[in-house]
Amino acid sequence: MDRMIVQQITIALDDDAAVSGLWLAPANARAAYVFAHGAGAGMAHKSMTAIAEGLAQRGIATLRYNFLYMERGSKRPDAPALAHQAVRAAVAQANALAPKLPLFAGGKSFGGRMTSQAQALDPLPNVRGLIFFAFPLHPAGKPGDERAKHLDDVSIPMLFLQGDNDALASLDLLKPVAKKLGERATLTLFDHADHSFHVPAKSGRKDPEVLAEILDTAANWMINPARP
């Protein structure tokens, strides 16, 4: 990893606004992933960095980027329309950076949901599939599946990477959502992991072990030649 250089870029949203991005591409890249952050931590957070670096080790280039509110230091997430604008701008940037690589998109929690909403409204150019690192099906303590309704309008494959102890995705609700989506959805569960993919010591597992399994799953899904 120390031989790879993270390229800092600027992603224009319109004439008056832009966000920062981080492009990390291994020499042997076989696919690219447009990677949006969660609601409370930006693109440079250690968890985002760990995922990007882990994917690079597995031959996947990543474009991390900030939503505008994070770029401006606000704690209040952008309205969906503005978040979707950032998603589209980042996807366009990734297409320009790696026009020959198979392209995927998604993100952690909020970032994944904003990406799927954008895809549902108007397909993202050249994006072959969506990958969710802990899809936030509902707020903690408020179970429901309304946040998944738009997924009915997503026609490309989706990979859900979920801890089975995620307070924001009750399995009693998430499993039926994935089943309803049929062959478009692949739900992979990770034992004892919470919304941040942390596992308790009593589980006998460690966070790096779980993350490695998650990254293996994501990378294999992207480079699978049978993937549409």
C-alpha atoms as a PDB file:
ATOM      1  CA  MET A   1       0.000   0.000   0.000  1.00  0.00           C
ATOM      2  CA  ASP A   2       2.824   2.418   0.650  1.00  0.00           C
ATOM      3  CA  ARG A   3       3.625   2.358  -3.080  1.00  0.00           C
ATOM      4  CA  MET A   4       0.147   3.602  -3.925  1.00  0.00           C
ATOM      5  CA  ILE A   5      -0.549   7.298  -4.021  1.00  0.00           C
ATOM      6  CA  VAL A   6      -3.895   8.693  -3.000  1.00  0.00           C
ATOM      7  CA  GLN A   7      -4.794  11.396  -5.490  1.00  0.00           C
ATOM      8  CA  GLN A   8      -6.704  14.376  -4.102  1.00  0.00           C
ATOM      9  CA  ILE A   9      -9.244  15.735  -6.547  1.00  0.00           C
ATOM     10  CA  THR A  10     -11.998  18.321  -6.703  1.00  0.00           C
ATOM     11  CA  ILE A  11     -15.469  17.326  -7.865  1.00  0.00           C
ATOM     12  CA  ALA A  12     -17.611  20.191  -9.146  1.00  0.00           C
ATOM     13  CA  LEU A  13     -21.304  20.054  -8.327  1.00  0.00           C
ATOM     14  CA  ASP A  14     -22.209  23.255 -10.148  1.00  0.00           C
ATOM     15  CA  ASP A  15     -20.718  26.687 -10.807  1.00  0.00           C
ATOM     16  CA  ASP A  16     -20.804  27.592  -7.120  1.00  0.00           C
ATOM     17  CA  ALA A  17     -20.106  24.375  -5.237  1.00  0.00           C
ATOM     18  CA  ALA A  18     -17.573  21.556  -5.222  1.00  0.00           C
ATOM     19  CA  VAL A  19     -16.518  18.720  -2.940  1.00  0.00           C
ATOM     20  CA  SER A  20     -13.254  16.928  -2.298  1.00  0.00           C
ATOM     21  CA  GLY A  21     -12.456  13.443  -3.464  1.00  0.00           C
ATOM     22  CA  LEU A  22      -9.768  10.806  -2.887  1.00  0.00           C
ATOM     23  CA  TRP A  23      -8.855   8.471  -5.749  1.00  0.00           C
ATOM     24  CA  LEU A  24      -6.891   5.324  -4.920  1.00  0.00           C
ATOM     25  CA  ALA A  25      -6.136   3.019  -7.826  1.00  0.00           C
ATOM     26  CA  PRO A  26      -3.811   0.009  -7.681  1.00  0.00           C
ATOM     27  CA  ALA A  27      -1.799  -0.770 -10.796  1.00  0.00           C
ATOM     28  CA  ASN A  28      -3.710  -4.031 -11.245  1.00  0.00           C
ATOM     29  CA  ALA A  29      -7.179  -2.540 -10.778  1.00  0.00           C
ATOM     30  CA  ARG A  30      -9.951  -4.757 -12.114  1.00  0.00           C
ATOM     31  CA  ALA A  31     -12.920  -2.593 -11.118  1.00  0.00           C
ATOM     32  CA  ALA A  32     -13.704   0.791  -9.562  1.00  0.00           C
ATOM     33  CA  TYR A  33     -16.027   1.650  -6.700  1.00  0.00           C
ATOM     34  CA  VAL A  34     -17.534   5.100  -6.051  1.00  0.00           C
ATOM     35  CA  PHE A  35     -17.616   5.152  -2.264  1.00  0.00           C
ATOM     36  CA  ALA A  36     -19.818   7.580  -0.289  1.00  0.00           C
ATOM     37  CA  HIS A  37     -19.411   8.149   3.441  1.00  0.00           C
ATOM     38  CA  GLY A  38     -21.919   7.762   6.270  1.00  0.00           C
ATOM     39  CA  ALA A  39     -23.842  10.566   7.930  1.00  0.00           C
ATOM     40  CA  GLY A  40     -21.394  11.258  10.747  1.00  0.00           C
ATOM     41  CA  ALA A  41     -17.916  10.802   9.273  1.00  0.00           C
ATOM     42  CA  GLY A  42     -16.340  12.056   6.050  1.00  0.00           C
ATOM     43  CA  MET A  43     -14.305  10.438   3.324  1.00  0.00           C
ATOM     44  CA  ALA A  44     -11.021  10.530   5.294  1.00  0.00           C
ATOM     45  CA  HIS A  45     -12.353   8.784   8.400  1.00  0.00           C
ATOM     46  CA  LYS A  46     -10.261   5.802   9.455  1.00  0.00           C
ATOM     47  CA  SER A  47     -13.038   3.353   8.629  1.00  0.00           C
ATOM     48  CA  MET A  48     -13.391   4.764   5.111  1.00  0.00           C
ATOM     49  CA  THR A  49      -9.627   4.659   4.674  1.00  0.00           C
ATOM     50  CA  ALA A  50      -9.434   1.064   5.872  1.00  0.00           C
ATOM     51  CA  ILE A  51     -12.066  -0.033   3.380  1.00  0.00           C
ATOM     52  CA  ALA A  52     -10.482   1.874   0.487  1.00  0.00           C
ATOM     53  CA  GLU A  53      -7.010   0.518   1.239  1.00  0.00           C
ATOM     54  CA  GLY A  54      -8.357  -2.996   1.742  1.00  0.00           C
ATOM     55  CA  LEU A  55     -10.152  -2.889  -1.594  1.00  0.00           C
ATOM     56  CA  ALA A  56      -7.004  -1.595  -3.290  1.00  0.00           C
ATOM     57  CA  GLN A  57      -5.125  -4.618  -1.961  1.00  0.00           C
ATOM     58  CA  ARG A  58      -7.781  -6.718  -3.666  1.00  0.00           C
ATOM     59  CA  GLY A  59      -7.519  -4.974  -7.037  1.00  0.00           C
ATOM     60  CA  ILE A  60     -10.361  -2.486  -6.649  1.00  0.00           C
ATOM     61  CA  ALA A  61      -9.893   1.245  -7.256  1.00  0.00           C
ATOM     62  CA  THR A  62     -11.987   3.594  -5.125  1.00  0.00           C
ATOM     63  CA  LEU A  63     -13.183   7.154  -5.389  1.00  0.00           C
ATOM     64  CA  ARG A  64     -14.132   8.456  -1.965  1.00  0.00           C
ATOM     65  CA  TYR A  65     -15.799  11.848  -1.771  1.00  0.00           C
ATOM     66  CA  ASN A  66     -17.490  14.199   0.662  1.00  0.00           C
ATOM     67  CA  PHE A  67     -21.077  15.278   0.557  1.00  0.00           C
ATOM     68  CA  LEU A  68     -21.369  19.058   0.546  1.00  0.00           C
ATOM     69  CA  TYR A  69     -22.424  19.378   4.192  1.00  0.00           C
ATOM     70  CA  MET A  70     -19.338  17.452   5.301  1.00  0.00           C
ATOM     71  CA  GLU A  71     -17.156  19.542   3.010  1.00  0.00           C
ATOM     72  CA  ARG A  72     -18.492  22.668   4.716  1.00  0.00           C
ATOM     73  CA  GLY A  73     -18.103  21.303   8.245  1.00  0.00           C
ATOM     74  CA  SER A  74     -21.809  20.967   8.977  1.00  0.00           C
ATOM     75  CA  LYS A  75     -23.261  18.114  11.008  1.00  0.00           C
ATOM     76  CA  ARG A  76     -26.630  18.202   9.279  1.00  0.00           C
ATOM     77  CA  PRO A  77     -26.767  15.920   6.230  1.00  0.00           C
ATOM     78  CA  ASP A  78     -27.730  17.412   2.896  1.00  0.00           C
ATOM     79  CA  ALA A  79     -31.263  17.164   1.587  1.00  0.00           C
ATOM     80  CA  PRO A  80     -31.601  14.131  -0.714  1.00  0.00           C
ATOM     81  CA  ALA A  81     -31.608  16.169  -3.940  1.00  0.00           C
ATOM     82  CA  LEU A  82     -28.288  17.780  -3.036  1.00  0.00           C
ATOM     83  CA  ALA A  83     -26.802  14.467  -1.931  1.00  0.00           C
ATOM     84  CA  HIS A  84     -27.902  12.886  -5.206  1.00  0.00           C
ATOM     85  CA  GLN A  85     -26.129  15.676  -7.065  1.00  0.00           C
ATOM     86  CA  ALA A  86     -22.880  14.771  -5.305  1.00  0.00           C
ATOM     87  CA  VAL A  87     -23.376  11.085  -6.108  1.00  0.00           C
ATOM     88  CA  ARG A  88     -23.852  11.849  -9.801  1.00  0.00           C
ATOM     89  CA  ALA A  89     -20.863  14.177  -9.920  1.00  0.00           C
ATOM     90  CA  ALA A  90     -18.654  11.549  -8.267  1.00  0.00           C
ATOM     91  CA  VAL A  91     -19.815   8.843 -10.674  1.00  0.00           C
ATOM     92  CA  ALA A  92     -19.047  11.147 -13.610  1.00  0.00           C
ATOM     93  CA  GLN A  93     -15.587  11.773 -12.167  1.00  0.00           C
ATOM     94  CA  ALA A  94     -14.948   8.041 -11.768  1.00  0.00           C
ATOM     95  CA  ASN A  95     -15.999   7.441 -15.361  1.00  0.00           C
ATOM     96  CA  ALA A  96     -13.423  10.014 -16.429  1.00  0.00           C
ATOM     97  CA  LEU A  97     -10.677   8.621 -14.181  1.00  0.00           C
ATOM     98  CA  ALA A  98     -11.130   4.982 -15.179  1.00  0.00           C
ATOM     99  CA  PRO A  99     -13.218   4.739 -18.350  1.00  0.00           C
ATOM    100  CA  LYS A 100     -12.185   1.144 -19.032  1.00  0.00           C
ATOM    101  CA  LEU A 101     -12.875  -0.325 -15.583  1.00  0.00           C
ATOM    102  CA  PRO A 102     -16.196  -1.907 -14.598  1.00  0.00           C
ATOM    103  CA  LEU A 103     -17.847   0.681 -12.356  1.00  0.00           C
ATOM    104  CA  PHE A 104     -19.791   0.146  -9.135  1.00  0.00           C
ATOM    105  CA  ALA A 105     -21.169   2.588  -6.576  1.00  0.00           C
ATOM    106  CA  GLY A 106     -22.572   2.744  -3.069  1.00  0.00           C
ATOM    107  CA  GLY A 107     -21.218   3.554   0.344  1.00  0.00           C
ATOM    108  CA  LYS A 108     -21.451   3.272   4.077  1.00  0.00           C
ATOM    109  CA  SER A 109     -24.881   3.652   5.636  1.00  0.00           C
ATOM    110  CA  PHE A 110     -26.271   7.083   4.592  1.00  0.00           C
ATOM    111  CA  GLY A 111     -23.942   7.216   1.592  1.00  0.00           C
ATOM    112  CA  GLY A 112     -25.184   3.910   0.274  1.00  0.00           C
ATOM    113  CA  ARG A 113     -28.804   4.953   0.682  1.00  0.00           C
ATOM    114  CA  MET A 114     -28.256   8.252  -1.130  1.00  0.00           C
ATOM    115  CA  THR A 115     -26.559   6.361  -3.957  1.00  0.00           C
ATOM    116  CA  SER A 116     -29.424   3.913  -4.340  1.00  0.00           C
ATOM    117  CA  GLN A 117     -31.952   6.740  -4.261  1.00  0.00           C
ATOM    118  CA  ALA A 118     -30.072   8.491  -7.059  1.00  0.00           C
ATOM    119  CA  GLN A 119     -29.953   5.256  -9.055  1.00  0.00           C
ATOM    120  CA  ALA A 120     -33.686   4.682  -8.539  1.00  0.00           C
ATOM    121  CA  LEU A 121     -34.549   8.157  -9.820  1.00  0.00           C
ATOM    122  CA  ASP A 122     -32.279   8.066 -12.872  1.00  0.00           C
ATOM    123  CA  PRO A 123     -29.705   5.318 -13.575  1.00  0.00           C
ATOM    124  CA  LEU A 124     -26.107   6.325 -12.883  1.00  0.00           C
ATOM    125  CA  PRO A 125     -24.055   6.164 -16.104  1.00  0.00           C
ATOM    126  CA  ASN A 126     -22.121   2.924 -16.548  1.00  0.00           C
ATOM    127  CA  VAL A 127     -22.699   1.736 -12.966  1.00  0.00           C
ATOM    128  CA  ARG A 128     -23.081  -2.032 -13.037  1.00  0.00           C
ATOM    129  CA  GLY A 129     -24.098  -2.632  -9.432  1.00  0.00           C
ATOM    130  CA  LEU A 130     -24.536  -1.104  -5.990  1.00  0.00           C
ATOM    131  CA  ILE A 131     -22.695  -2.180  -2.845  1.00  0.00           C
ATOM    132  CA  PHE A 132     -23.993  -1.208   0.577  1.00  0.00           C
ATOM    133  CA  PHE A 133     -21.688  -1.296   3.573  1.00  0.00           C
ATOM    134  CA  ALA A 134     -24.436  -1.535   6.237  1.00  0.00           C
ATOM    135  CA  PHE A 135     -27.617  -0.293   4.576  1.00  0.00           C
ATOM    136  CA  PRO A 136     -29.531   1.842   7.130  1.00  0.00           C
ATOM    137  CA  LEU A 137     -32.982   0.310   6.774  1.00  0.00           C
ATOM    138  CA  HIS A 138     -34.400   2.312   9.685  1.00  0.00           C
ATOM    139  CA  PRO A 139     -33.314   4.535  12.592  1.00  0.00           C
ATOM    140  CA  ALA A 140     -32.124   2.709  15.705  1.00  0.00           C
ATOM    141  CA  GLY A 141     -35.086   1.708  17.836  1.00  0.00           C
ATOM    142  CA  LYS A 142     -37.601   2.587  15.123  1.00  0.00           C
ATOM    143  CA  PRO A 143     -37.984  -0.506  12.951  1.00  0.00           C
ATOM    144  CA  GLY A 144     -39.562  -0.089   9.547  1.00  0.00           C
ATOM    145  CA  ASP A 145     -38.827  -0.680   5.878  1.00  0.00           C
ATOM    146  CA  GLU A 146     -39.925   2.603   4.293  1.00  0.00           C
ATOM    147  CA  ARG A 147     -36.306   3.458   3.459  1.00  0.00           C
ATOM    148  CA  ALA A 148     -36.188   0.438   1.151  1.00  0.00           C
ATOM    149  CA  LYS A 149     -39.219   1.310  -0.979  1.00  0.00           C
ATOM    150  CA  HIS A 150     -37.112   3.024  -3.659  1.00  0.00           C
ATOM    151  CA  LEU A 151     -35.060  -0.131  -4.162  1.00  0.00           C
ATOM    152  CA  ASP A 152     -37.960  -1.525  -6.190  1.00  0.00           C
ATOM    153  CA  ASP A 153     -36.933   0.990  -8.870  1.00  0.00           C
ATOM    154  CA  VAL A 154     -33.290  -0.113  -8.954  1.00  0.00           C
ATOM    155  CA  SER A 155     -32.798  -2.532 -11.815  1.00  0.00           C
ATOM    156  CA  ILE A 156     -29.075  -3.302 -11.396  1.00  0.00           C
ATOM    157  CA  PRO A 157     -27.615  -5.870  -8.957  1.00  0.00           C
ATOM    158  CA  MET A 158     -27.234  -4.892  -5.303  1.00  0.00           C
ATOM    159  CA  LEU A 159     -24.943  -6.347  -2.632  1.00  0.00           C
ATOM    160  CA  PHE A 160     -25.931  -5.832   0.995  1.00  0.00           C
ATOM    161  CA  LEU A 161     -23.032  -6.298   3.446  1.00  0.00           C
ATOM    162  CA  GLN A 162     -24.654  -6.367   6.873  1.00  0.00           C
ATOM    163  CA  GLY A 163     -23.754  -7.280  10.430  1.00  0.00           C
ATOM    164  CA  ASP A 164     -26.360  -9.547  11.978  1.00  0.00           C
ATOM    165  CA  ASN A 165     -26.329  -7.318  15.074  1.00  0.00           C
ATOM    166  CA  ASP A 166     -27.035  -4.063  13.210  1.00  0.00           C
ATOM    167  CA  ALA A 167     -29.421  -1.815  15.180  1.00  0.00           C
ATOM    168  CA  LEU A 168     -30.293   0.042  11.963  1.00  0.00           C
ATOM    169  CA  ALA A 169     -31.323  -3.050  10.015  1.00  0.00           C
ATOM    170  CA  SER A 170     -33.514  -5.562  11.804  1.00  0.00           C
ATOM    171  CA  LEU A 171     -33.066  -8.904  10.080  1.00  0.00           C
ATOM    172  CA  ASP A 172     -36.790  -9.569  10.447  1.00  0.00           C
ATOM    173  CA  LEU A 173     -37.278  -6.660   8.047  1.00  0.00           C
ATOM    174  CA  LEU A 174     -34.127  -6.754   5.946  1.00  0.00           C
ATOM    175  CA  LYS A 175     -34.419 -10.371   4.878  1.00  0.00           C
ATOM    176  CA  PRO A 176     -37.909  -9.898   3.380  1.00  0.00           C
ATOM    177  CA  VAL A 177     -36.694  -6.744   1.612  1.00  0.00           C
ATOM    178  CA  ALA A 178     -33.864  -8.672  -0.013  1.00  0.00           C
ATOM    179  CA  LYS A 179     -36.159 -11.580  -0.878  1.00  0.00           C
ATOM    180  CA  LYS A 180     -38.656  -9.251  -2.542  1.00  0.00           C
ATOM    181  CA  LEU A 181     -35.898  -7.797  -4.724  1.00  0.00           C
ATOM    182  CA  GLY A 182     -35.225 -11.276  -6.045  1.00  0.00           C
ATOM    183  CA  GLU A 183     -32.109 -11.978  -8.082  1.00  0.00           C
ATOM    184  CA  ARG A 184     -31.147  -8.304  -8.019  1.00  0.00           C
ATOM    185  CA  ALA A 185     -30.221  -8.517  -4.330  1.00  0.00           C
ATOM    186  CA  THR A 186     -27.484 -10.452  -2.575  1.00  0.00           C
ATOM    187  CA  LEU A 187     -27.584 -10.258   1.228  1.00  0.00           C
ATOM    188  CA  THR A 188     -24.424 -11.349   3.045  1.00  0.00           C
ATOM    189  CA  LEU A 189     -24.478 -11.366   6.838  1.00  0.00           C
ATOM    190  CA  PHE A 190     -21.500 -11.197   9.194  1.00  0.00           C
ATOM    191  CA  ASP A 191     -21.821 -12.841  12.582  1.00  0.00           C
ATOM    192  CA  HIS A 192     -21.996 -10.601  15.660  1.00  0.00           C
ATOM    193  CA  ALA A 193     -21.149  -7.410  13.719  1.00  0.00           C
ATOM    194  CA  ASP A 194     -22.971  -4.158  14.423  1.00  0.00           C
ATOM    195  CA  HIS A 195     -23.665  -1.199  12.129  1.00  0.00           C
ATOM    196  CA  SER A 196     -19.966  -0.231  12.197  1.00  0.00           C
ATOM    197  CA  PHE A 197     -18.919  -3.876  11.717  1.00  0.00           C
ATOM    198  CA  HIS A 198     -17.582  -3.994  15.268  1.00  0.00           C
ATOM    199  CA  VAL A 199     -17.779  -7.343  17.016  1.00  0.00           C
ATOM    200  CA  PRO A 200     -17.705  -7.886  20.802  1.00  0.00           C
ATOM    201  CA  ALA A 201     -14.738  -9.674  22.337  1.00  0.00           C
ATOM    202  CA  LYS A 202     -16.994 -12.452  23.631  1.00  0.00           C
ATOM    203  CA  SER A 203     -17.752 -13.400  20.026  1.00  0.00           C
ATOM    204  CA  GLY A 204     -14.259 -14.804  19.681  1.00  0.00           C
ATOM    205  CA  ARG A 205     -13.721 -12.701  16.577  1.00  0.00           C
ATOM    206  CA  LYS A 206     -11.837  -9.459  15.959  1.00  0.00           C
ATOM    207  CA  ASP A 207     -12.811  -6.426  13.888  1.00  0.00           C
ATOM    208  CA  PRO A 208      -9.945  -6.803  11.334  1.00  0.00           C
ATOM    209  CA  GLU A 209     -10.994 -10.399  10.701  1.00  0.00           C
ATOM    210  CA  VAL A 210     -14.567  -9.344  10.016  1.00  0.00           C
ATOM    211  CA  LEU A 211     -13.478  -6.460   7.781  1.00  0.00           C
ATOM    212  CA  ALA A 212     -11.291  -8.811   5.749  1.00  0.00           C
ATOM    213  CA  GLU A 213     -14.281 -11.082   5.144  1.00  0.00           C
ATOM    214  CA  ILE A 214     -16.407  -8.106   4.126  1.00  0.00           C
ATOM    215  CA  LEU A 215     -13.776  -6.811   1.708  1.00  0.00           C
ATOM    216  CA  ASP A 216     -13.240 -10.244   0.200  1.00  0.00           C
ATOM    217  CA  THR A 217     -16.968 -10.507  -0.422  1.00  0.00           C
ATOM    218  CA  ALA A 218     -17.192  -7.051  -1.984  1.00  0.00           C
ATOM    219  CA  ALA A 219     -14.155  -7.490  -4.219  1.00  0.00           C
ATOM    220  CA  ASN A 220     -15.197 -10.950  -5.411  1.00  0.00           C
ATOM    221  CA  TRP A 221     -18.681  -9.661  -6.240  1.00  0.00           C
ATOM    222  CA  MET A 222     -17.245  -6.851  -8.368  1.00  0.00           C
ATOM    223  CA  ILE A 223     -14.766  -8.944 -10.320  1.00  0.00           C
ATOM    224  CA  ASN A 224     -17.044 -11.951 -10.822  1.00  0.00           C
ATOM    225  CA  PRO A 225     -17.228 -12.374 -14.614  1.00  0.00           C
ATOM    226  CA  ALA A 226     -20.838 -13.521 -14.276  1.00  0.00           C
ATOM    227  CA  ARG A 227     -21.820 -10.164 -12.806  1.00  0.00           C
ATOM    228  CA  PRO A 228     -23.955  -8.176 -15.334  1.00  0.00           C
END
